[in-house]
Amino acid sequence: MKAQIEKVRPGGAASFICRRRIDPRFGFYWHVHPEIELTCIVRSRGRRFVGDSIEPDDDGDLVLLGPNLPHTWDSDPRRGGRHEALFCQFSESFLGPDFLRTPETAGLRRLLGQAAQGLRFTGKTQKSVARRMEGMDGLQGLARLAALLEVLDLLARSREVRALSSPSSSRRCGRGTRGGSTGSAGC
């Protein structure tokens, strides 16, 4: 199945998106975008699809997805009530082309490189990041930017992480290099 290309537009006076999504259910929408995405499932249960990985997800699921990595969440229709997620989407260069070349961002560069396969965070990292993400959608300006950088720093230092999709899936879907395409079958 070919992934739909999603256009991500921060809009206004923002260089990245941090939003809360609340729906009766998260329906299957296999898509891809060039932005990096951090998603925390606040309330839902179903399946998470990332590259060639299909796994169950539940409340607290925390995933970092690299650019052009096909993904979706599909809620279990038997779980009643609202389904809720917090997510941030940003380009690798949202703070300028040289930001990730600084010595201080070495850990972040490694993290974003590993995110090409999708990363799932658990344990104390998941709990700490979920707490910090909880209010990010209401922040503005420098406070919003500082909150995102703090979250990314926590993720970059975490050992409670594992890759989701296979490296061959990442290469097949064109994510082995910056600016890859999504032209492969299934991507």
N, C-alpha and C. Protein backbone atom coordinates (compact mmCIF):
# COMPACT_ATOMS: atom_id res chain seq x y z
N MET A 1 0.85 -1.17 0.00
CA MET A 1 0.00 0.00 0.00
C MET A 1 0.90 1.24 0.00
N LYS A 2 0.60 2.17 -0.86
CA LYS A 2 1.37 3.41 -0.98
C LYS A 2 0.89 4.40 0.08
N ALA A 3 1.85 4.99 0.79
CA ALA A 3 1.52 5.98 1.82
C ALA A 3 1.12 7.30 1.18
N GLN A 4 0.13 7.95 1.77
CA GLN A 4 -0.28 9.28 1.34
C GLN A 4 0.72 10.31 1.85
N ILE A 5 1.02 11.31 1.05
CA ILE A 5 1.91 12.37 1.49
C ILE A 5 1.09 13.41 2.24
N GLU A 6 1.48 13.67 3.48
CA GLU A 6 0.77 14.64 4.32
C GLU A 6 1.56 15.95 4.32
N LYS A 7 0.86 17.05 4.13
CA LYS A 7 1.48 18.37 4.21
C LYS A 7 1.37 18.87 5.64
N VAL A 8 2.51 19.17 6.24
CA VAL A 8 2.55 19.68 7.61
C VAL A 8 2.89 21.16 7.54
N ARG A 9 2.01 21.99 8.08
CA ARG A 9 2.21 23.44 8.04
C ARG A 9 2.06 24.01 9.44
N PRO A 10 3.18 24.45 10.04
CA PRO A 10 3.09 25.03 11.38
C PRO A 10 2.21 26.26 11.44
N GLY A 11 2.31 27.13 10.46
CA GLY A 11 1.47 28.32 10.40
C GLY A 11 1.84 29.38 11.42
N GLY A 12 1.37 30.58 11.14
CA GLY A 12 1.53 31.71 12.05
C GLY A 12 2.97 31.97 12.45
N ALA A 13 3.16 32.19 13.74
CA ALA A 13 4.47 32.54 14.28
C ALA A 13 5.14 31.31 14.88
N ALA A 14 4.99 30.14 14.25
CA ALA A 14 5.54 28.91 14.79
C ALA A 14 6.44 28.23 13.77
N SER A 15 7.54 27.65 14.24
CA SER A 15 8.44 26.91 13.36
C SER A 15 8.21 25.41 13.45
N PHE A 16 7.32 24.98 14.35
CA PHE A 16 6.99 23.57 14.49
C PHE A 16 5.59 23.44 15.08
N ILE A 17 5.06 22.25 15.01
CA ILE A 17 3.70 21.98 15.49
C ILE A 17 3.76 21.20 16.79
N CYS A 18 2.97 21.57 17.77
CA CYS A 18 2.68 20.77 18.96
C CYS A 18 1.18 20.88 19.18
N ARG A 19 0.51 19.75 19.05
CA ARG A 19 -0.96 19.76 19.14
C ARG A 19 -1.46 18.57 19.93
N ARG A 20 -2.70 18.70 20.32
CA ARG A 20 -3.45 17.63 20.97
C ARG A 20 -4.52 17.20 19.96
N ARG A 21 -4.62 15.91 19.76
CA ARG A 21 -5.64 15.37 18.85
C ARG A 21 -6.62 14.55 19.68
N ILE A 22 -7.90 14.87 19.54
CA ILE A 22 -8.95 14.12 20.23
C ILE A 22 -9.98 13.73 19.19
N ASP A 23 -10.23 12.43 19.06
CA ASP A 23 -11.18 11.90 18.08
C ASP A 23 -11.99 10.77 18.70
N PRO A 24 -13.13 10.45 18.10
CA PRO A 24 -13.89 9.28 18.57
C PRO A 24 -13.07 7.99 18.41
N ARG A 25 -12.17 7.98 17.41
CA ARG A 25 -11.22 6.88 17.23
C ARG A 25 -10.18 7.32 16.23
N PHE A 26 -8.98 6.72 16.30
CA PHE A 26 -7.94 6.99 15.31
C PHE A 26 -8.09 5.96 14.20
N GLY A 27 -8.52 6.40 13.03
CA GLY A 27 -8.70 5.50 11.90
C GLY A 27 -7.41 5.32 11.13
N PHE A 28 -7.33 4.24 10.40
CA PHE A 28 -6.12 3.91 9.63
C PHE A 28 -5.92 4.95 8.53
N TYR A 29 -4.79 5.67 8.59
CA TYR A 29 -4.42 6.65 7.58
C TYR A 29 -2.92 6.53 7.37
N TRP A 30 -2.51 5.64 6.48
CA TRP A 30 -1.10 5.35 6.19
C TRP A 30 -0.53 6.55 5.46
N HIS A 31 0.40 7.24 6.10
CA HIS A 31 0.90 8.48 5.53
C HIS A 31 2.37 8.70 5.84
N VAL A 32 2.93 9.70 5.20
CA VAL A 32 4.34 10.03 5.33
C VAL A 32 4.48 11.54 5.20
N HIS A 33 5.49 12.09 5.84
CA HIS A 33 5.80 13.52 5.70
C HIS A 33 7.29 13.71 5.98
N PRO A 34 7.88 14.76 5.45
CA PRO A 34 9.31 14.97 5.64
C PRO A 34 9.68 15.45 7.05
N GLU A 35 8.72 15.79 7.86
CA GLU A 35 8.99 16.26 9.22
C GLU A 35 9.21 15.08 10.17
N ILE A 36 9.97 15.32 11.21
CA ILE A 36 10.14 14.39 12.32
C ILE A 36 8.89 14.50 13.18
N GLU A 37 8.44 13.40 13.75
CA GLU A 37 7.22 13.43 14.57
C GLU A 37 7.45 12.71 15.90
N LEU A 38 7.04 13.36 16.97
CA LEU A 38 7.03 12.75 18.30
C LEU A 38 5.57 12.65 18.71
N THR A 39 5.11 11.41 18.98
CA THR A 39 3.71 11.19 19.33
C THR A 39 3.61 10.46 20.65
N CYS A 40 2.77 10.98 21.53
CA CYS A 40 2.45 10.34 22.80
C CYS A 40 0.95 10.03 22.81
N ILE A 41 0.61 8.76 22.91
CA ILE A 41 -0.80 8.36 22.99
C ILE A 41 -1.25 8.55 24.44
N VAL A 42 -2.15 9.47 24.64
CA VAL A 42 -2.67 9.76 25.98
C VAL A 42 -3.73 8.74 26.35
N ARG A 43 -4.66 8.50 25.42
CA ARG A 43 -5.75 7.56 25.68
C ARG A 43 -6.16 6.92 24.38
N SER A 44 -5.84 5.65 24.22
CA SER A 44 -6.26 4.88 23.05
C SER A 44 -5.72 3.47 23.21
N ARG A 45 -6.22 2.60 22.40
CA ARG A 45 -5.72 1.22 22.32
C ARG A 45 -5.96 0.75 20.91
N GLY A 46 -4.98 0.10 20.35
CA GLY A 46 -5.13 -0.41 18.99
C GLY A 46 -3.82 -0.94 18.47
N ARG A 47 -3.52 -0.57 17.22
CA ARG A 47 -2.27 -1.01 16.60
C ARG A 47 -1.53 0.20 16.03
N ARG A 48 -0.20 0.12 16.18
CA ARG A 48 0.68 1.15 15.63
C ARG A 48 1.43 0.53 14.46
N PHE A 49 1.41 1.22 13.32
CA PHE A 49 2.10 0.79 12.11
C PHE A 49 3.21 1.80 11.84
N VAL A 50 4.46 1.34 11.80
CA VAL A 50 5.62 2.20 11.53
C VAL A 50 6.54 1.42 10.59
N GLY A 51 6.74 1.93 9.36
CA GLY A 51 7.57 1.21 8.40
C GLY A 51 7.04 -0.20 8.22
N ASP A 52 7.86 -1.22 8.50
CA ASP A 52 7.41 -2.61 8.38
C ASP A 52 7.02 -3.22 9.73
N SER A 53 6.81 -2.37 10.74
CA SER A 53 6.46 -2.83 12.08
C SER A 53 4.96 -2.63 12.34
N ILE A 54 4.34 -3.66 12.88
CA ILE A 54 2.94 -3.58 13.34
C ILE A 54 2.93 -4.10 14.76
N GLU A 55 2.54 -3.25 15.70
CA GLU A 55 2.52 -3.63 17.11
C GLU A 55 1.29 -3.05 17.80
N PRO A 56 0.88 -3.69 18.90
CA PRO A 56 -0.20 -3.09 19.69
C PRO A 56 0.29 -1.81 20.36
N ASP A 57 -0.63 -0.88 20.55
CA ASP A 57 -0.30 0.32 21.32
C ASP A 57 -1.41 0.55 22.34
N ASP A 58 -1.08 1.34 23.35
CA ASP A 58 -2.00 1.58 24.45
C ASP A 58 -1.67 2.93 25.06
N ASP A 59 -2.40 3.30 26.10
CA ASP A 59 -2.14 4.55 26.80
C ASP A 59 -0.65 4.68 27.13
N GLY A 60 -0.08 5.84 26.84
CA GLY A 60 1.31 6.10 27.18
C GLY A 60 2.30 5.77 26.08
N ASP A 61 1.87 5.17 24.99
CA ASP A 61 2.79 4.84 23.90
C ASP A 61 3.52 6.11 23.46
N LEU A 62 4.85 6.07 23.39
CA LEU A 62 5.66 7.24 23.03
C LEU A 62 6.62 6.84 21.91
N VAL A 63 6.48 7.50 20.76
CA VAL A 63 7.22 7.12 19.56
C VAL A 63 7.81 8.36 18.89
N LEU A 64 9.06 8.25 18.44
CA LEU A 64 9.72 9.27 17.64
C LEU A 64 9.94 8.71 16.25
N LEU A 65 9.44 9.42 15.24
CA LEU A 65 9.51 8.96 13.85
C LEU A 65 10.37 9.90 13.04
N GLY A 66 11.30 9.34 12.28
CA GLY A 66 12.15 10.13 11.42
C GLY A 66 11.42 10.61 10.18
N PRO A 67 12.08 11.44 9.40
CA PRO A 67 11.48 11.98 8.18
C PRO A 67 11.12 10.87 7.19
N ASN A 68 9.99 11.03 6.53
CA ASN A 68 9.55 10.14 5.45
C ASN A 68 9.38 8.69 5.88
N LEU A 69 9.08 8.46 7.14
CA LEU A 69 8.82 7.11 7.65
C LEU A 69 7.31 6.89 7.66
N PRO A 70 6.79 5.98 6.82
CA PRO A 70 5.34 5.76 6.78
C PRO A 70 4.83 5.27 8.13
N HIS A 71 3.66 5.77 8.54
CA HIS A 71 3.13 5.41 9.85
C HIS A 71 1.63 5.70 9.94
N THR A 72 1.01 5.07 10.93
CA THR A 72 -0.36 5.37 11.32
C THR A 72 -0.66 4.66 12.63
N TRP A 73 -1.71 5.10 13.28
CA TRP A 73 -2.28 4.41 14.44
C TRP A 73 -3.70 4.04 14.06
N ASP A 74 -4.15 2.88 14.49
CA ASP A 74 -5.51 2.42 14.18
C ASP A 74 -6.13 1.93 15.48
N SER A 75 -7.08 2.70 16.01
CA SER A 75 -7.68 2.39 17.30
C SER A 75 -8.60 1.17 17.21
N ASP A 76 -8.66 0.47 18.31
CA ASP A 76 -9.60 -0.64 18.45
C ASP A 76 -11.00 -0.03 18.57
N PRO A 77 -11.91 -0.35 17.62
CA PRO A 77 -13.24 0.27 17.67
C PRO A 77 -14.06 -0.14 18.89
N ARG A 78 -13.64 -1.19 19.59
CA ARG A 78 -14.37 -1.63 20.78
C ARG A 78 -14.06 -0.77 22.00
N ARG A 79 -12.98 0.01 21.93
CA ARG A 79 -12.66 0.88 23.06
C ARG A 79 -13.48 2.15 22.93
N GLY A 80 -14.40 2.32 23.82
CA GLY A 80 -15.29 3.47 23.78
C GLY A 80 -14.63 4.75 24.27
N GLY A 81 -15.37 5.83 24.17
CA GLY A 81 -14.87 7.11 24.64
C GLY A 81 -13.96 7.75 23.62
N ARG A 82 -13.35 8.83 24.05
CA ARG A 82 -12.49 9.56 23.13
C ARG A 82 -11.09 8.93 23.08
N HIS A 83 -10.42 9.16 21.97
CA HIS A 83 -9.04 8.74 21.79
C HIS A 83 -8.23 10.01 21.70
N GLU A 84 -7.10 10.05 22.42
CA GLU A 84 -6.35 11.30 22.54
C GLU A 84 -4.86 11.07 22.38
N ALA A 85 -4.21 11.98 21.66
CA ALA A 85 -2.77 11.93 21.46
C ALA A 85 -2.20 13.34 21.48
N LEU A 86 -0.95 13.44 21.90
CA LEU A 86 -0.18 14.68 21.81
C LEU A 86 0.91 14.44 20.78
N PHE A 87 1.16 15.42 19.91
CA PHE A 87 2.22 15.22 18.93
C PHE A 87 2.90 16.53 18.60
N CYS A 88 4.18 16.40 18.25
CA CYS A 88 4.99 17.52 17.77
C CYS A 88 5.59 17.09 16.43
N GLN A 89 5.58 18.00 15.48
CA GLN A 89 6.16 17.75 14.16
C GLN A 89 7.09 18.91 13.83
N PHE A 90 8.30 18.59 13.37
CA PHE A 90 9.27 19.63 13.06
C PHE A 90 10.25 19.12 12.02
N SER A 91 10.78 20.02 11.23
CA SER A 91 11.79 19.63 10.25
C SER A 91 13.15 19.58 10.93
N GLU A 92 14.09 18.87 10.31
CA GLU A 92 15.44 18.79 10.86
C GLU A 92 16.09 20.17 10.95
N SER A 93 15.66 21.09 10.08
CA SER A 93 16.28 22.41 10.04
C SER A 93 15.38 23.51 10.61
N PHE A 94 14.44 23.14 11.49
CA PHE A 94 13.52 24.15 12.00
C PHE A 94 14.21 25.24 12.82
N LEU A 95 15.42 24.97 13.29
CA LEU A 95 16.19 26.00 14.01
C LEU A 95 17.37 26.50 13.17
N GLY A 96 17.27 26.31 11.87
CA GLY A 96 18.32 26.78 10.97
C GLY A 96 19.18 25.62 10.48
N PRO A 97 19.84 25.81 9.36
CA PRO A 97 20.61 24.72 8.74
C PRO A 97 21.83 24.29 9.55
N ASP A 98 22.35 25.14 10.42
CA ASP A 98 23.56 24.80 11.15
C ASP A 98 23.32 24.30 12.58
N PHE A 99 22.08 24.33 13.04
CA PHE A 99 21.79 23.96 14.43
C PHE A 99 22.31 22.56 14.76
N LEU A 100 22.03 21.59 13.93
CA LEU A 100 22.43 20.21 14.22
C LEU A 100 23.91 19.95 13.96
N ARG A 101 24.64 20.96 13.53
CA ARG A 101 26.09 20.82 13.31
C ARG A 101 26.89 21.30 14.51
N THR A 102 26.22 21.81 15.53
CA THR A 102 26.94 22.33 16.69
C THR A 102 27.39 21.17 17.60
N PRO A 103 28.47 21.36 18.35
CA PRO A 103 28.94 20.29 19.25
C PRO A 103 27.88 19.90 20.29
N GLU A 104 27.10 20.87 20.73
CA GLU A 104 26.09 20.60 21.77
C GLU A 104 24.97 19.68 21.29
N THR A 105 24.81 19.54 19.99
CA THR A 105 23.70 18.73 19.47
C THR A 105 24.13 17.35 18.99
N ALA A 106 25.32 16.89 19.36
CA ALA A 106 25.81 15.58 18.91
C ALA A 106 24.83 14.46 19.29
N GLY A 107 24.33 14.46 20.53
CA GLY A 107 23.37 13.44 20.96
C GLY A 107 22.07 13.52 20.19
N LEU A 108 21.62 14.72 19.93
CA LEU A 108 20.39 14.91 19.16
C LEU A 108 20.57 14.42 17.72
N ARG A 109 21.73 14.68 17.12
CA ARG A 109 22.01 14.18 15.76
C ARG A 109 21.92 12.66 15.73
N ARG A 110 22.51 12.00 16.73
CA ARG A 110 22.45 10.53 16.79
C ARG A 110 20.99 10.07 16.92
N LEU A 111 20.26 10.71 17.82
CA LEU A 111 18.86 10.35 18.04
C LEU A 111 18.06 10.46 16.74
N LEU A 112 18.20 11.57 16.04
CA LEU A 112 17.43 11.77 14.82
C LEU A 112 17.85 10.80 13.73
N GLY A 113 19.11 10.42 13.71
CA GLY A 113 19.55 9.39 12.76
C GLY A 113 18.90 8.04 13.06
N GLN A 114 18.83 7.68 14.33
CA GLN A 114 18.19 6.42 14.73
C GLN A 114 16.69 6.45 14.50
N ALA A 115 16.09 7.63 14.54
CA ALA A 115 14.64 7.76 14.36
C ALA A 115 14.20 7.40 12.96
N ALA A 116 15.13 7.22 12.03
CA ALA A 116 14.77 6.80 10.67
C ALA A 116 14.00 5.48 10.69
N GLN A 117 14.23 4.64 11.71
CA GLN A 117 13.52 3.37 11.86
C GLN A 117 12.29 3.50 12.76
N GLY A 118 12.12 4.64 13.38
CA GLY A 118 11.09 4.79 14.39
C GLY A 118 11.63 4.27 15.71
N LEU A 119 11.40 5.02 16.77
CA LEU A 119 11.88 4.64 18.10
C LEU A 119 10.73 4.67 19.09
N ARG A 120 10.67 3.65 19.93
CA ARG A 120 9.67 3.60 21.01
C ARG A 120 10.40 3.75 22.34
N PHE A 121 9.90 4.66 23.18
CA PHE A 121 10.49 4.94 24.48
C PHE A 121 9.58 4.39 25.57
N THR A 122 10.19 3.85 26.63
CA THR A 122 9.44 3.25 27.73
C THR A 122 9.97 3.75 29.06
N GLY A 123 9.45 3.20 30.14
CA GLY A 123 9.95 3.44 31.48
C GLY A 123 9.90 4.88 31.94
N LYS A 124 10.93 5.29 32.67
CA LYS A 124 11.00 6.64 33.22
C LYS A 124 11.03 7.68 32.12
N THR A 125 11.71 7.37 31.02
CA THR A 125 11.76 8.32 29.90
C THR A 125 10.36 8.61 29.40
N GLN A 126 9.58 7.56 29.17
CA GLN A 126 8.21 7.73 28.66
C GLN A 126 7.40 8.59 29.62
N LYS A 127 7.46 8.28 30.88
CA LYS A 127 6.66 9.02 31.86
C LYS A 127 7.07 10.49 31.94
N SER A 128 8.37 10.74 31.96
CA SER A 128 8.88 12.10 32.05
C SER A 128 8.53 12.93 30.81
N VAL A 129 8.69 12.34 29.64
CA VAL A 129 8.37 13.05 28.39
C VAL A 129 6.87 13.27 28.29
N ALA A 130 6.07 12.29 28.65
CA ALA A 130 4.60 12.44 28.60
C ALA A 130 4.16 13.61 29.49
N ARG A 131 4.73 13.72 30.68
CA ARG A 131 4.38 14.83 31.59
C ARG A 131 4.74 16.17 30.95
N ARG A 132 5.92 16.25 30.34
CA ARG A 132 6.35 17.51 29.74
C ARG A 132 5.53 17.86 28.50
N MET A 133 5.14 16.86 27.74
CA MET A 133 4.34 17.12 26.53
C MET A 133 2.93 17.56 26.88
N GLU A 134 2.45 17.20 28.05
CA GLU A 134 1.06 17.48 28.44
C GLU A 134 0.69 18.94 28.29
N GLY A 135 1.55 19.87 28.59
CA GLY A 135 1.19 21.28 28.49
C GLY A 135 1.77 22.00 27.28
N MET A 136 2.53 21.29 26.45
CA MET A 136 3.22 21.97 25.35
C MET A 136 2.29 22.61 24.34
N ASP A 137 1.13 22.02 24.11
CA ASP A 137 0.21 22.58 23.11
C ASP A 137 -0.33 23.94 23.52
N GLY A 138 -0.22 24.28 24.80
CA GLY A 138 -0.69 25.58 25.27
C GLY A 138 0.41 26.63 25.39
N LEU A 139 1.66 26.22 25.18
CA LEU A 139 2.77 27.16 25.29
C LEU A 139 2.97 27.94 24.00
N GLN A 140 3.62 29.08 24.12
CA GLN A 140 3.93 29.90 22.95
C GLN A 140 5.36 30.42 23.06
N GLY A 141 5.86 30.87 21.93
CA GLY A 141 7.15 31.55 21.89
C GLY A 141 8.30 30.71 22.39
N LEU A 142 9.21 31.37 23.09
CA LEU A 142 10.43 30.74 23.57
C LEU A 142 10.14 29.61 24.56
N ALA A 143 9.09 29.74 25.37
CA ALA A 143 8.73 28.68 26.32
C ALA A 143 8.39 27.38 25.59
N ARG A 144 7.70 27.50 24.48
CA ARG A 144 7.33 26.33 23.66
C ARG A 144 8.58 25.68 23.06
N LEU A 145 9.47 26.50 22.53
CA LEU A 145 10.71 26.01 21.95
C LEU A 145 11.58 25.34 23.01
N ALA A 146 11.71 25.97 24.17
CA ALA A 146 12.52 25.41 25.26
C ALA A 146 11.95 24.06 25.71
N ALA A 147 10.63 23.95 25.77
CA ALA A 147 10.00 22.69 26.17
C ALA A 147 10.32 21.58 25.18
N LEU A 148 10.25 21.88 23.89
CA LEU A 148 10.58 20.87 22.88
C LEU A 148 12.05 20.45 22.98
N LEU A 149 12.94 21.41 23.13
CA LEU A 149 14.36 21.08 23.24
C LEU A 149 14.64 20.24 24.49
N GLU A 150 13.95 20.54 25.58
CA GLU A 150 14.11 19.74 26.80
C GLU A 150 13.66 18.30 26.57
N VAL A 151 12.54 18.13 25.90
CA VAL A 151 12.03 16.80 25.59
C VAL A 151 13.02 16.05 24.68
N LEU A 152 13.51 16.71 23.66
CA LEU A 152 14.46 16.06 22.75
C LEU A 152 15.75 15.68 23.48
N ASP A 153 16.19 16.51 24.41
CA ASP A 153 17.37 16.18 25.20
C ASP A 153 17.12 14.93 26.05
N LEU A 154 15.97 14.83 26.68
CA LEU A 154 15.64 13.63 27.46
C LEU A 154 15.66 12.39 26.58
N LEU A 155 15.08 12.49 25.39
CA LEU A 155 15.05 11.35 24.48
C LEU A 155 16.46 10.98 24.03
N ALA A 156 17.28 11.97 23.74
CA ALA A 156 18.64 11.72 23.26
C ALA A 156 19.50 11.02 24.32
N ARG A 157 19.20 11.26 25.60
CA ARG A 157 19.98 10.66 26.69
C ARG A 157 19.39 9.34 27.18
N SER A 158 18.24 8.94 26.68
CA SER A 158 17.55 7.76 27.17
C SER A 158 18.21 6.45 26.72
N ARG A 159 18.13 5.47 27.59
CA ARG A 159 18.53 4.10 27.25
C ARG A 159 17.29 3.20 27.19
N GLU A 160 16.13 3.77 27.48
CA GLU A 160 14.87 3.01 27.48
C GLU A 160 14.20 3.19 26.12
N VAL A 161 14.87 2.68 25.09
CA VAL A 161 14.43 2.93 23.72
C VAL A 161 14.72 1.70 22.87
N ARG A 162 13.88 1.47 21.88
CA ARG A 162 14.15 0.42 20.91
C ARG A 162 13.62 0.83 19.54
N ALA A 163 14.29 0.32 18.51
CA ALA A 163 13.87 0.60 17.14
C ALA A 163 12.60 -0.18 16.82
N LEU A 164 11.79 0.39 15.94
CA LEU A 164 10.54 -0.26 15.57
C LEU A 164 10.64 -1.01 14.24
N SER A 165 11.00 -0.34 13.18
CA SER A 165 11.05 -1.01 11.88
C SER A 165 12.47 -1.45 11.56
N SER A 166 12.61 -2.30 10.58
CA SER A 166 13.92 -2.83 10.23
C SER A 166 14.73 -1.81 9.43
N PRO A 167 16.05 -1.91 9.52
CA PRO A 167 16.88 -1.00 8.72
C PRO A 167 16.60 -1.14 7.22
N SER A 168 16.32 -2.37 6.76
CA SER A 168 16.04 -2.55 5.33
C SER A 168 14.75 -1.82 4.94
N SER A 169 13.80 -1.73 5.86
CA SER A 169 12.58 -0.98 5.58
C SER A 169 12.89 0.49 5.42
N SER A 170 13.78 1.01 6.27
CA SER A 170 14.16 2.42 6.18
C SER A 170 14.82 2.73 4.85
N ARG A 171 15.73 1.86 4.41
CA ARG A 171 16.41 2.09 3.12
C ARG A 171 15.43 1.95 1.96
N ARG A 172 14.56 0.94 2.03
CA ARG A 172 13.61 0.70 0.96
C ARG A 172 12.66 1.88 0.78
N CYS A 173 12.31 2.54 1.88
CA CYS A 173 11.39 3.66 1.82
C CYS A 173 12.10 4.98 1.59
N GLY A 174 13.41 4.94 1.34
CA GLY A 174 14.14 6.14 0.95
C GLY A 174 14.57 7.02 2.09
N ARG A 175 14.74 6.45 3.29
CA ARG A 175 15.11 7.28 4.43
C ARG A 175 16.56 7.09 4.84
N GLY A 176 17.35 6.41 4.03
CA GLY A 176 18.74 6.20 4.41
C GLY A 176 19.56 7.48 4.34
N THR A 177 19.11 8.44 3.54
CA THR A 177 19.81 9.72 3.43
C THR A 177 18.81 10.84 3.58
N ARG A 178 19.29 12.01 3.87
CA ARG A 178 18.40 13.17 4.00
C ARG A 178 17.75 13.44 2.64
N GLY A 179 16.48 13.81 2.70
CA GLY A 179 15.76 14.18 1.48
C GLY A 179 15.38 13.00 0.62
N GLY A 180 15.32 11.78 1.21
CA GLY A 180 14.95 10.59 0.44
C GLY A 180 13.54 10.65 -0.07
N SER A 181 13.23 9.80 -1.01
CA SER A 181 11.89 9.77 -1.59
C SER A 181 11.07 8.68 -0.94
N THR A 182 9.79 8.67 -1.24
CA THR A 182 8.90 7.65 -0.74
C THR A 182 8.32 6.85 -1.89
N GLY A 183 9.11 6.66 -2.94
CA GLY A 183 8.60 6.04 -4.15
C GLY A 183 8.57 4.54 -4.14
N SER A 184 9.06 3.84 -3.14
CA SER A 184 9.08 2.39 -3.13
C SER A 184 7.70 1.83 -2.89
N ALA A 185 7.48 0.63 -3.40
CA ALA A 185 6.20 -0.02 -3.16
C ALA A 185 6.02 -0.22 -1.67
N GLY A 186 4.84 0.04 -1.18
CA GLY A 186 4.52 -0.15 0.23
C GLY A 186 4.90 1.02 1.11
N CYS A 187 5.53 2.02 0.57
CA CYS A 187 5.98 3.15 1.39
C CYS A 187 5.15 4.37 1.12
